[in-house]
Amino acid sequence: MLQLPQLYAENIHRWLPELLYYSLTTLKIAAISFILAIAFGLLFALMRTSPNRWIRGIAVAYIEIVRGLPIVVLLYIVYFAPPQLFPDLNWQWFNAFSGAALGLALHGGAILAEVFRSGIEALH
């Protein structure tokens, strides 16, 4: 009977190429979502510090709702809800990669919005 470490060592040549390929995919998703999160975070931080209460209210609602959702729930909403809500649009471009990048960017943007807002308020 094979022991578990032997089983892994015998089959690593089958798994390693896929592990490397999807590791690069994970890094691509992380890089894209981080860049988008910075943009979302800066936008919503500026909205949060706006003197207009409607703009500030939209930013507060977005930040509190998105920060309160578990990431898995947010990823499900981002991936499955838009094609269901807007079926007439062309969703050919929207795949798991873009859904994951957008969902992680929205969550990271909500967190970074609070970081940027606190930095802005510390300077004033």
N, C-alpha and C. Protein backbone atom coordinates (compact mmCIF):
# COMPACT_ATOMS: atom_id res chain seq x y z
N MET A 1 0.84 -1.18 0.00
CA MET A 1 0.00 0.00 0.00
C MET A 1 0.89 1.25 0.00
N LEU A 2 0.50 2.21 -0.82
CA LEU A 2 1.27 3.46 -0.90
C LEU A 2 0.95 4.36 0.27
N GLN A 3 1.97 4.99 0.75
CA GLN A 3 1.74 5.99 1.78
C GLN A 3 1.52 7.32 1.10
N LEU A 4 0.91 8.24 1.80
CA LEU A 4 0.51 9.51 1.20
C LEU A 4 1.67 10.29 0.60
N PRO A 5 2.82 10.47 1.25
CA PRO A 5 3.92 11.20 0.62
C PRO A 5 4.41 10.54 -0.68
N GLN A 6 4.41 9.20 -0.73
CA GLN A 6 4.81 8.52 -1.95
C GLN A 6 3.83 8.81 -3.08
N LEU A 7 2.55 8.82 -2.76
CA LEU A 7 1.52 9.09 -3.76
C LEU A 7 1.70 10.47 -4.36
N TYR A 8 1.99 11.45 -3.52
CA TYR A 8 2.23 12.80 -4.03
C TYR A 8 3.48 12.85 -4.89
N ALA A 9 4.54 12.20 -4.46
CA ALA A 9 5.80 12.24 -5.20
C ALA A 9 5.67 11.55 -6.55
N GLU A 10 4.89 10.49 -6.63
CA GLU A 10 4.73 9.78 -7.89
C GLU A 10 3.87 10.55 -8.89
N ASN A 11 2.99 11.39 -8.43
CA ASN A 11 2.06 12.08 -9.32
C ASN A 11 2.36 13.56 -9.50
N ILE A 12 3.45 14.03 -8.94
CA ILE A 12 3.73 15.46 -9.01
C ILE A 12 3.97 15.91 -10.45
N HIS A 13 4.49 15.06 -11.30
CA HIS A 13 4.72 15.45 -12.69
C HIS A 13 3.41 15.74 -13.42
N ARG A 14 2.31 15.17 -12.96
CA ARG A 14 1.00 15.47 -13.56
C ARG A 14 0.41 16.77 -13.02
N TRP A 15 0.64 17.06 -11.77
CA TRP A 15 0.01 18.21 -11.13
C TRP A 15 0.80 19.50 -11.28
N LEU A 16 2.11 19.40 -11.33
CA LEU A 16 2.95 20.59 -11.28
C LEU A 16 2.68 21.58 -12.41
N PRO A 17 2.53 21.17 -13.66
CA PRO A 17 2.24 22.17 -14.71
C PRO A 17 0.95 22.95 -14.46
N GLU A 18 -0.09 22.25 -14.01
CA GLU A 18 -1.34 22.95 -13.73
C GLU A 18 -1.21 23.86 -12.52
N LEU A 19 -0.50 23.40 -11.51
CA LEU A 19 -0.30 24.25 -10.33
C LEU A 19 0.44 25.54 -10.70
N LEU A 20 1.46 25.41 -11.53
CA LEU A 20 2.20 26.60 -11.96
C LEU A 20 1.34 27.52 -12.82
N TYR A 21 0.57 26.94 -13.73
CA TYR A 21 -0.28 27.75 -14.60
C TYR A 21 -1.31 28.53 -13.78
N TYR A 22 -1.98 27.84 -12.87
CA TYR A 22 -3.01 28.52 -12.09
C TYR A 22 -2.42 29.41 -10.99
N SER A 23 -1.19 29.20 -10.62
CA SER A 23 -0.53 30.14 -9.72
C SER A 23 -0.32 31.47 -10.43
N LEU A 24 0.06 31.42 -11.70
CA LEU A 24 0.19 32.65 -12.48
C LEU A 24 -1.16 33.33 -12.68
N THR A 25 -2.20 32.54 -12.89
CA THR A 25 -3.54 33.10 -13.02
C THR A 25 -3.96 33.80 -11.73
N THR A 26 -3.65 33.20 -10.60
CA THR A 26 -3.96 33.81 -9.31
C THR A 26 -3.22 35.13 -9.13
N LEU A 27 -1.96 35.17 -9.53
CA LEU A 27 -1.19 36.41 -9.43
C LEU A 27 -1.74 37.49 -10.36
N LYS A 28 -2.21 37.10 -11.54
CA LYS A 28 -2.82 38.07 -12.46
C LYS A 28 -4.09 38.65 -11.86
N ILE A 29 -4.94 37.79 -11.30
CA ILE A 29 -6.17 38.27 -10.67
C ILE A 29 -5.84 39.21 -9.52
N ALA A 30 -4.85 38.86 -8.71
CA ALA A 30 -4.47 39.70 -7.57
C ALA A 30 -3.96 41.06 -8.03
N ALA A 31 -3.12 41.08 -9.07
CA ALA A 31 -2.57 42.35 -9.55
C ALA A 31 -3.65 43.24 -10.13
N ILE A 32 -4.53 42.67 -10.95
CA ILE A 32 -5.60 43.47 -11.56
C ILE A 32 -6.56 43.97 -10.49
N SER A 33 -6.94 43.11 -9.56
CA SER A 33 -7.89 43.54 -8.54
C SER A 33 -7.28 44.57 -7.60
N PHE A 34 -5.98 44.50 -7.34
CA PHE A 34 -5.35 45.49 -6.47
C PHE A 34 -5.31 46.86 -7.15
N ILE A 35 -5.00 46.89 -8.43
CA ILE A 35 -5.00 48.16 -9.16
C ILE A 35 -6.40 48.76 -9.19
N LEU A 36 -7.40 47.93 -9.46
CA LEU A 36 -8.78 48.43 -9.46
C LEU A 36 -9.22 48.84 -8.05
N ALA A 37 -8.78 48.11 -7.03
CA ALA A 37 -9.14 48.44 -5.65
C ALA A 37 -8.59 49.80 -5.25
N ILE A 38 -7.39 50.13 -5.70
CA ILE A 38 -6.83 51.45 -5.41
C ILE A 38 -7.69 52.54 -6.04
N ALA A 39 -8.12 52.31 -7.29
CA ALA A 39 -8.97 53.30 -7.97
C ALA A 39 -10.31 53.44 -7.26
N PHE A 40 -10.96 52.30 -6.94
CA PHE A 40 -12.24 52.35 -6.24
C PHE A 40 -12.08 52.99 -4.86
N GLY A 41 -11.02 52.62 -4.15
CA GLY A 41 -10.79 53.15 -2.82
C GLY A 41 -10.59 54.65 -2.82
N LEU A 42 -9.81 55.15 -3.77
CA LEU A 42 -9.59 56.59 -3.85
C LEU A 42 -10.88 57.33 -4.21
N LEU A 43 -11.62 56.77 -5.15
CA LEU A 43 -12.90 57.39 -5.55
C LEU A 43 -13.86 57.47 -4.37
N PHE A 44 -14.04 56.36 -3.66
CA PHE A 44 -15.00 56.36 -2.56
C PHE A 44 -14.47 57.09 -1.33
N ALA A 45 -13.17 57.19 -1.16
CA ALA A 45 -12.63 58.01 -0.06
C ALA A 45 -12.92 59.48 -0.32
N LEU A 46 -12.75 59.91 -1.57
CA LEU A 46 -13.07 61.30 -1.90
C LEU A 46 -14.56 61.55 -1.78
N MET A 47 -15.37 60.57 -2.17
CA MET A 47 -16.82 60.72 -2.01
C MET A 47 -17.19 60.78 -0.53
N ARG A 48 -16.51 59.99 0.29
CA ARG A 48 -16.81 59.94 1.73
C ARG A 48 -16.46 61.25 2.43
N THR A 49 -15.49 61.99 1.91
CA THR A 49 -15.11 63.27 2.52
C THR A 49 -15.80 64.45 1.85
N SER A 50 -16.74 64.18 0.94
CA SER A 50 -17.44 65.24 0.23
C SER A 50 -18.38 66.00 1.17
N PRO A 51 -18.54 67.31 0.96
CA PRO A 51 -19.50 68.05 1.78
C PRO A 51 -20.96 67.75 1.39
N ASN A 52 -21.18 67.23 0.19
CA ASN A 52 -22.53 66.88 -0.25
C ASN A 52 -22.98 65.60 0.47
N ARG A 53 -24.09 65.68 1.19
CA ARG A 53 -24.50 64.54 2.00
C ARG A 53 -25.01 63.37 1.17
N TRP A 54 -25.52 63.62 -0.05
CA TRP A 54 -25.97 62.51 -0.91
C TRP A 54 -24.79 61.70 -1.41
N ILE A 55 -23.76 62.39 -1.85
CA ILE A 55 -22.55 61.70 -2.32
C ILE A 55 -21.90 60.96 -1.16
N ARG A 56 -21.83 61.61 -0.01
CA ARG A 56 -21.25 60.98 1.18
C ARG A 56 -22.08 59.77 1.61
N GLY A 57 -23.40 59.88 1.51
CA GLY A 57 -24.28 58.77 1.87
C GLY A 57 -24.11 57.56 0.97
N ILE A 58 -23.95 57.80 -0.34
CA ILE A 58 -23.71 56.70 -1.27
C ILE A 58 -22.40 55.99 -0.93
N ALA A 59 -21.38 56.78 -0.63
CA ALA A 59 -20.08 56.19 -0.29
C ALA A 59 -20.16 55.39 1.01
N VAL A 60 -20.84 55.93 2.01
CA VAL A 60 -20.98 55.23 3.29
C VAL A 60 -21.74 53.92 3.09
N ALA A 61 -22.82 53.97 2.31
CA ALA A 61 -23.61 52.76 2.06
C ALA A 61 -22.77 51.69 1.36
N TYR A 62 -22.05 52.10 0.32
CA TYR A 62 -21.20 51.14 -0.40
C TYR A 62 -20.16 50.53 0.53
N ILE A 63 -19.46 51.38 1.27
CA ILE A 63 -18.37 50.90 2.13
C ILE A 63 -18.90 49.96 3.20
N GLU A 64 -19.99 50.33 3.85
CA GLU A 64 -20.51 49.50 4.94
C GLU A 64 -21.09 48.19 4.43
N ILE A 65 -21.80 48.23 3.32
CA ILE A 65 -22.39 47.00 2.78
C ILE A 65 -21.31 46.04 2.30
N VAL A 66 -20.38 46.56 1.51
CA VAL A 66 -19.35 45.68 0.94
C VAL A 66 -18.41 45.15 2.01
N ARG A 67 -18.06 45.98 2.98
CA ARG A 67 -17.19 45.49 4.05
C ARG A 67 -17.90 44.49 4.94
N GLY A 68 -19.22 44.58 5.03
CA GLY A 68 -19.98 43.66 5.87
C GLY A 68 -20.25 42.31 5.22
N LEU A 69 -20.14 42.24 3.90
CA LEU A 69 -20.39 40.97 3.21
C LEU A 69 -19.15 40.09 3.25
N PRO A 70 -19.33 38.80 3.47
CA PRO A 70 -18.19 37.90 3.30
C PRO A 70 -17.73 37.91 1.83
N ILE A 71 -16.46 37.72 1.61
CA ILE A 71 -15.91 37.81 0.26
C ILE A 71 -16.54 36.78 -0.67
N VAL A 72 -16.79 35.58 -0.17
CA VAL A 72 -17.38 34.54 -1.02
C VAL A 72 -18.77 34.96 -1.48
N VAL A 73 -19.55 35.55 -0.59
CA VAL A 73 -20.88 36.02 -0.97
C VAL A 73 -20.77 37.13 -2.00
N LEU A 74 -19.85 38.05 -1.81
CA LEU A 74 -19.65 39.13 -2.77
C LEU A 74 -19.23 38.58 -4.13
N LEU A 75 -18.35 37.59 -4.15
CA LEU A 75 -17.93 36.98 -5.41
C LEU A 75 -19.10 36.30 -6.11
N TYR A 76 -19.96 35.62 -5.37
CA TYR A 76 -21.15 35.02 -5.97
C TYR A 76 -22.07 36.08 -6.55
N ILE A 77 -22.28 37.16 -5.82
CA ILE A 77 -23.16 38.23 -6.30
C ILE A 77 -22.58 38.86 -7.56
N VAL A 78 -21.30 39.17 -7.55
CA VAL A 78 -20.67 39.82 -8.70
C VAL A 78 -20.68 38.90 -9.92
N TYR A 79 -20.50 37.62 -9.72
CA TYR A 79 -20.41 36.70 -10.85
C TYR A 79 -21.78 36.31 -11.40
N PHE A 80 -22.75 36.05 -10.52
CA PHE A 80 -24.03 35.52 -10.98
C PHE A 80 -25.12 36.56 -11.17
N ALA A 81 -25.09 37.67 -10.43
CA ALA A 81 -26.20 38.63 -10.48
C ALA A 81 -26.27 39.47 -11.75
N PRO A 82 -25.18 40.07 -12.24
CA PRO A 82 -25.32 40.95 -13.41
C PRO A 82 -25.95 40.30 -14.64
N PRO A 83 -25.56 39.09 -15.04
CA PRO A 83 -26.23 38.50 -16.21
C PRO A 83 -27.71 38.20 -15.96
N GLN A 84 -28.08 37.96 -14.70
CA GLN A 84 -29.49 37.72 -14.40
C GLN A 84 -30.28 39.02 -14.37
N LEU A 85 -29.67 40.09 -13.88
CA LEU A 85 -30.36 41.37 -13.79
C LEU A 85 -30.45 42.08 -15.13
N PHE A 86 -29.45 41.90 -15.97
CA PHE A 86 -29.40 42.57 -17.27
C PHE A 86 -29.19 41.54 -18.38
N PRO A 87 -30.19 40.71 -18.67
CA PRO A 87 -29.98 39.63 -19.64
C PRO A 87 -29.85 40.12 -21.08
N ASP A 88 -30.29 41.34 -21.38
CA ASP A 88 -30.23 41.84 -22.75
C ASP A 88 -28.82 42.28 -23.15
N LEU A 89 -27.96 42.52 -22.19
CA LEU A 89 -26.59 42.94 -22.50
C LEU A 89 -25.75 41.74 -22.94
N ASN A 90 -24.69 42.03 -23.65
CA ASN A 90 -23.78 40.98 -24.11
C ASN A 90 -22.80 40.65 -22.99
N TRP A 91 -22.92 39.47 -22.42
CA TRP A 91 -22.06 39.04 -21.30
C TRP A 91 -21.01 38.03 -21.75
N GLN A 92 -20.69 38.00 -23.04
CA GLN A 92 -19.69 37.06 -23.56
C GLN A 92 -18.32 37.29 -22.92
N TRP A 93 -17.98 38.52 -22.63
CA TRP A 93 -16.66 38.88 -22.09
C TRP A 93 -16.54 38.56 -20.61
N PHE A 94 -17.67 38.39 -19.93
CA PHE A 94 -17.67 38.24 -18.48
C PHE A 94 -17.46 36.77 -18.12
N ASN A 95 -16.27 36.45 -17.67
CA ASN A 95 -15.97 35.07 -17.29
C ASN A 95 -15.57 35.02 -15.81
N ALA A 96 -15.13 33.87 -15.36
CA ALA A 96 -14.75 33.72 -13.95
C ALA A 96 -13.56 34.60 -13.58
N PHE A 97 -12.63 34.78 -14.50
CA PHE A 97 -11.46 35.62 -14.25
C PHE A 97 -11.89 37.06 -13.98
N SER A 98 -12.71 37.62 -14.87
CA SER A 98 -13.13 39.02 -14.68
C SER A 98 -14.06 39.16 -13.48
N GLY A 99 -14.88 38.16 -13.21
CA GLY A 99 -15.74 38.21 -12.03
C GLY A 99 -14.95 38.19 -10.74
N ALA A 100 -13.92 37.35 -10.69
CA ALA A 100 -13.07 37.29 -9.50
C ALA A 100 -12.30 38.58 -9.31
N ALA A 101 -11.74 39.11 -10.39
CA ALA A 101 -10.97 40.35 -10.29
C ALA A 101 -11.87 41.50 -9.85
N LEU A 102 -13.07 41.59 -10.41
CA LEU A 102 -13.99 42.67 -10.04
C LEU A 102 -14.48 42.52 -8.60
N GLY A 103 -14.84 41.31 -8.20
CA GLY A 103 -15.31 41.10 -6.83
C GLY A 103 -14.26 41.41 -5.79
N LEU A 104 -13.04 40.97 -6.02
CA LEU A 104 -11.96 41.27 -5.08
C LEU A 104 -11.61 42.75 -5.10
N ALA A 105 -11.74 43.39 -6.27
CA ALA A 105 -11.47 44.83 -6.35
C ALA A 105 -12.52 45.62 -5.58
N LEU A 106 -13.78 45.22 -5.67
CA LEU A 106 -14.82 45.92 -4.93
C LEU A 106 -14.60 45.79 -3.42
N HIS A 107 -14.24 44.61 -2.98
CA HIS A 107 -14.00 44.41 -1.54
C HIS A 107 -12.76 45.17 -1.08
N GLY A 108 -11.69 45.07 -1.85
CA GLY A 108 -10.47 45.81 -1.50
C GLY A 108 -10.67 47.30 -1.57
N GLY A 109 -11.48 47.76 -2.52
CA GLY A 109 -11.77 49.19 -2.65
C GLY A 109 -12.50 49.74 -1.43
N ALA A 110 -13.42 48.94 -0.88
CA ALA A 110 -14.14 49.39 0.31
C ALA A 110 -13.19 49.51 1.50
N ILE A 111 -12.28 48.59 1.63
CA ILE A 111 -11.31 48.65 2.73
C ILE A 111 -10.34 49.81 2.52
N LEU A 112 -9.83 49.95 1.30
CA LEU A 112 -8.88 51.04 1.02
C LEU A 112 -9.55 52.41 1.11
N ALA A 113 -10.84 52.49 0.86
CA ALA A 113 -11.54 53.77 0.98
C ALA A 113 -11.44 54.29 2.41
N GLU A 114 -11.60 53.40 3.38
CA GLU A 114 -11.48 53.81 4.77
C GLU A 114 -10.03 54.17 5.13
N VAL A 115 -9.08 53.45 4.56
CA VAL A 115 -7.67 53.77 4.81
C VAL A 115 -7.34 55.15 4.24
N PHE A 116 -7.75 55.39 2.99
CA PHE A 116 -7.48 56.68 2.36
C PHE A 116 -8.23 57.81 3.06
N ARG A 117 -9.47 57.56 3.47
CA ARG A 117 -10.25 58.59 4.17
C ARG A 117 -9.58 58.98 5.48
N SER A 118 -9.11 57.98 6.23
CA SER A 118 -8.46 58.31 7.50
C SER A 118 -7.16 59.08 7.26
N GLY A 119 -6.46 58.77 6.19
CA GLY A 119 -5.26 59.54 5.85
C GLY A 119 -5.58 60.96 5.47
N ILE A 120 -6.65 61.15 4.70
CA ILE A 120 -7.07 62.50 4.30
C ILE A 120 -7.49 63.31 5.52
N GLU A 121 -8.27 62.68 6.41
CA GLU A 121 -8.72 63.40 7.61
C GLU A 121 -7.58 63.68 8.58
N ALA A 122 -6.56 62.84 8.59
CA ALA A 122 -5.41 63.08 9.46
C ALA A 122 -4.62 64.30 9.01
N LEU A 123 -4.66 64.57 7.70
CA LEU A 123 -3.93 65.73 7.18
C LEU A 123 -4.68 67.03 7.39
N HIS A 124 -5.97 66.97 7.60
CA HIS A 124 -6.75 68.21 7.77
C HIS A 124 -6.89 68.56 9.21
